[in-house]
C-alpha atoms as a PDB file:
ATOM      1  CA  MET A   1      69.145  95.787 110.920  1.00  0.00           C
ATOM      2  CA  THR A   2      70.678  93.203 112.815  1.00  0.00           C
ATOM      3  CA  THR A   3      74.082  92.171 113.518  1.00  0.00           C
ATOM      4  CA  PHE A   4      74.212  88.457 113.712  1.00  0.00           C
ATOM      5  CA  THR A   5      75.635  85.526 115.590  1.00  0.00           C
ATOM      6  CA  THR A   6      77.775  82.459 114.607  1.00  0.00           C
ATOM      7  CA  GLU A   7      74.849  80.749 116.025  1.00  0.00           C
ATOM      8  CA  ASP A   8      72.568  82.584 113.535  1.00  0.00           C
ATOM      9  CA  ARG A   9      75.177  82.087 110.657  1.00  0.00           C
ATOM     10  CA  ILE A  10      74.763  78.674 110.333  1.00  0.00           C
ATOM     11  CA  GLU A  11      70.682  78.830 111.683  1.00  0.00           C
ATOM     12  CA  ALA A  12      70.646  81.072 108.363  1.00  0.00           C
ATOM     13  CA  GLU A  13      73.265  79.458 106.302  1.00  0.00           C
ATOM     14  CA  ASN A  14      69.706  76.303 106.041  1.00  0.00           C
ATOM     15  CA  HIS A  15      67.128  78.329 105.682  1.00  0.00           C
ATOM     16  CA  PRO A  16      65.925  78.335 102.104  1.00  0.00           C
ATOM     17  CA  VAL A  17      65.233  81.577 101.720  1.00  0.00           C
ATOM     18  CA  THR A  18      68.201  82.749 103.524  1.00  0.00           C
ATOM     19  CA  SER A  19      71.768  83.027 101.975  1.00  0.00           C
ATOM     20  CA  TRP A  20      74.947  84.962 103.008  1.00  0.00           C
ATOM     21  CA  ASN A  21      78.536  85.584 100.814  1.00  0.00           C
ATOM     22  CA  TYR A  22      81.499  88.063 101.703  1.00  0.00           C
ATOM     23  CA  ARG A  23      80.615  91.479 101.216  1.00  0.00           C
ATOM     24  CA  LEU A  24      82.421  95.099 101.494  1.00  0.00           C
ATOM     25  CA  VAL A  25      80.681  96.868 104.135  1.00  0.00           C
ATOM     26  CA  ARG A  26      80.784 101.385 103.824  1.00  0.00           C
ATOM     27  CA  MET A  27      80.689 102.320 107.904  1.00  0.00           C
ATOM     28  CA  LYS A  28      80.118 105.474 108.838  1.00  0.00           C
ATOM     29  CA  ASP A  29      81.104 107.059 112.495  1.00  0.00           C
ATOM     30  CA  ASP A  30      78.041 109.429 112.633  1.00  0.00           C
ATOM     31  CA  LYS A  31      79.785 111.613 115.346  1.00  0.00           C
ATOM     32  CA  TRP A  32      82.972 112.537 114.176  1.00  0.00           C
ATOM     33  CA  GLY A  33      82.194 111.534 110.091  1.00  0.00           C
ATOM     34  CA  ASP A  34      85.084 109.386 109.701  1.00  0.00           C
ATOM     35  CA  GLU A  35      84.041 106.854 106.969  1.00  0.00           C
ATOM     36  CA  TRP A  36      85.889 103.763 106.267  1.00  0.00           C
ATOM     37  CA  VAL A  37      84.942 100.216 104.594  1.00  0.00           C
ATOM     38  CA  GLU A  38      85.178  96.403 106.338  1.00  0.00           C
ATOM     39  CA  VAL A  39      84.258  92.902 104.491  1.00  0.00           C
ATOM     40  CA  ARG A  40      81.735  91.688 106.907  1.00  0.00           C
ATOM     41  CA  GLU A  41      79.166  87.885 106.036  1.00  0.00           C
ATOM     42  CA  VAL A  42      76.311  89.838 105.149  1.00  0.00           C
ATOM     43  CA  PHE A  43      72.844  88.322 105.244  1.00  0.00           C
ATOM     44  CA  TYR A  44      69.964  87.938 102.545  1.00  0.00           C
ATOM     45  CA  GLU A  45      66.418  87.799 102.539  1.00  0.00           C
ATOM     46  CA  ASP A  46      65.036  87.226  98.241  1.00  0.00           C
ATOM     47  CA  GLY A  47      68.126  88.737  97.562  1.00  0.00           C
ATOM     48  CA  LYS A  48      68.051  92.032  99.904  1.00  0.00           C
ATOM     49  CA  PRO A  49      70.827  92.543 102.058  1.00  0.00           C
ATOM     50  CA  ILE A  50      69.224  91.996 106.032  1.00  0.00           C
ATOM     51  CA  GLY A  51      72.034  91.813 108.358  1.00  0.00           C
ATOM     52  CA  HIS A  52      75.591  91.594 108.755  1.00  0.00           C
ATOM     53  CA  THR A  53      78.272  90.213 111.539  1.00  0.00           C
ATOM     54  CA  ALA A  54      80.426  91.918 113.464  1.00  0.00           C
ATOM     55  CA  THR A  55      83.591  89.940 112.964  1.00  0.00           C
ATOM     56  CA  THR A  56      85.317  90.084 110.437  1.00  0.00           C
ATOM     57  CA  ILE A  57      87.346  86.941 110.118  1.00  0.00           C
ATOM     58  CA  MET A  58      86.358  84.169 112.230  1.00  0.00           C
ATOM     59  CA  ALA A  59      87.854  80.025 111.243  1.00  0.00           C
ATOM     60  CA  ASP A  60      88.593  76.885 113.323  1.00  0.00           C
ATOM     61  CA  ASP A  61      91.951  76.554 112.363  1.00  0.00           C
ATOM     62  CA  VAL A  62      94.231  78.443 109.678  1.00  0.00           C
ATOM     63  CA  ALA A  63      93.331  76.070 106.837  1.00  0.00           C
ATOM     64  CA  GLU A  64      89.587  77.747 107.269  1.00  0.00           C
ATOM     65  CA  VAL A  65      90.598  80.784 107.469  1.00  0.00           C
ATOM     66  CA  GLY A  66      92.706  80.206 103.655  1.00  0.00           C
ATOM     67  CA  LYS A  67      89.503  79.087 102.811  1.00  0.00           C
ATOM     68  CA  VAL A  68      88.105  82.162 104.255  1.00  0.00           C
ATOM     69  CA  LEU A  69      90.200  84.693 102.471  1.00  0.00           C
ATOM     70  CA  GLU A  70      89.372  82.781  98.945  1.00  0.00           C
ATOM     71  CA  LEU A  71      85.745  83.698  99.246  1.00  0.00           C
ATOM     72  CA  ILE A  72      86.299  87.364 100.590  1.00  0.00           C
ATOM     73  CA  LYS A  73      88.880  87.955  97.632  1.00  0.00           C
ATOM     74  CA  LEU A  74      85.474  86.770  95.720  1.00  0.00           C
ATOM     75  CA  ALA A  75      83.966  90.287  97.653  1.00  0.00           C
ATOM     76  CA  LEU A  76      86.735  92.578  96.045  1.00  0.00           C
ATOM     77  CA  ALA A  77      84.835  92.242  93.104  1.00  0.00           C
ATOM     78  CA  LYS A  78      81.438  93.083  94.242  1.00  0.00           C
ATOM     79  CA  PRO A  79      80.209  96.682  94.644  1.00  0.00           C
ATOM     80  CA  VAL A  80      80.349  97.774  98.233  1.00  0.00           C
ATOM     81  CA  LEU A  81      77.408  97.901 100.054  1.00  0.00           C
ATOM     82  CA  GLN A  82      76.146 101.086 101.196  1.00  0.00           C
ATOM     83  CA  PRO A  83      73.894 101.295 104.615  1.00  0.00           C
ATOM     84  CA  GLU A  84      70.740 102.399 103.041  1.00  0.00           C
ATOM     85  CA  GLU A  85      70.993  99.180 100.626  1.00  0.00           C
ATOM     86  CA  PHE A  86      70.159  96.659 103.903  1.00  0.00           C
ATOM     87  CA  ILE A  87      66.708  96.638 104.995  1.00  0.00           C
ATOM     88  CA  GLY A  88      65.882  97.797 108.151  1.00  0.00           C
ATOM     89  CA  ALA A  89      67.933  99.753 110.475  1.00  0.00           C
ATOM     90  CA  PHE A  90      71.168 100.122 109.735  1.00  0.00           C
ATOM     91  CA  THR A  91      73.762  99.303 112.577  1.00  0.00           C
ATOM     92  CA  ASN A  92      77.050 101.777 112.514  1.00  0.00           C
ATOM     93  CA  TYR A  93      79.580  99.160 114.729  1.00  0.00           C
ATOM     94  CA  GLY A  94      78.089  95.568 114.681  1.00  0.00           C
ATOM     95  CA  GLU A  95      77.257  95.669 118.203  1.00  0.00           C
ATOM     96  CA  ASP A  96      74.029  92.656 118.747  1.00  0.00           C
ATOM     97  CA  THR A  97      70.329  94.608 118.535  1.00  0.00           C
ATOM     98  CA  GLU A  98      68.739  91.940 119.548  1.00  0.00           C
END
């Protein structure tokens, strides 16, 4: 699975078959077995999750942070995405995999 940069996110927003939203994503440390949930921007192609960002919240100013938090609230009403739901390899820590 690919982790996207901010520039990729902006480009993906303009792509006709790709969309994104905030979702809760289950993360797991394979070495220690710890599991947790993180808020991530998730990208979709044809309705299937294909990747997520490493950055949880990023905005240009305080007002935009408020808008982002409202969008994140929408993620709470959706099921938590599991690693096996992503197409391709899953990156546990969100590092770039270019």
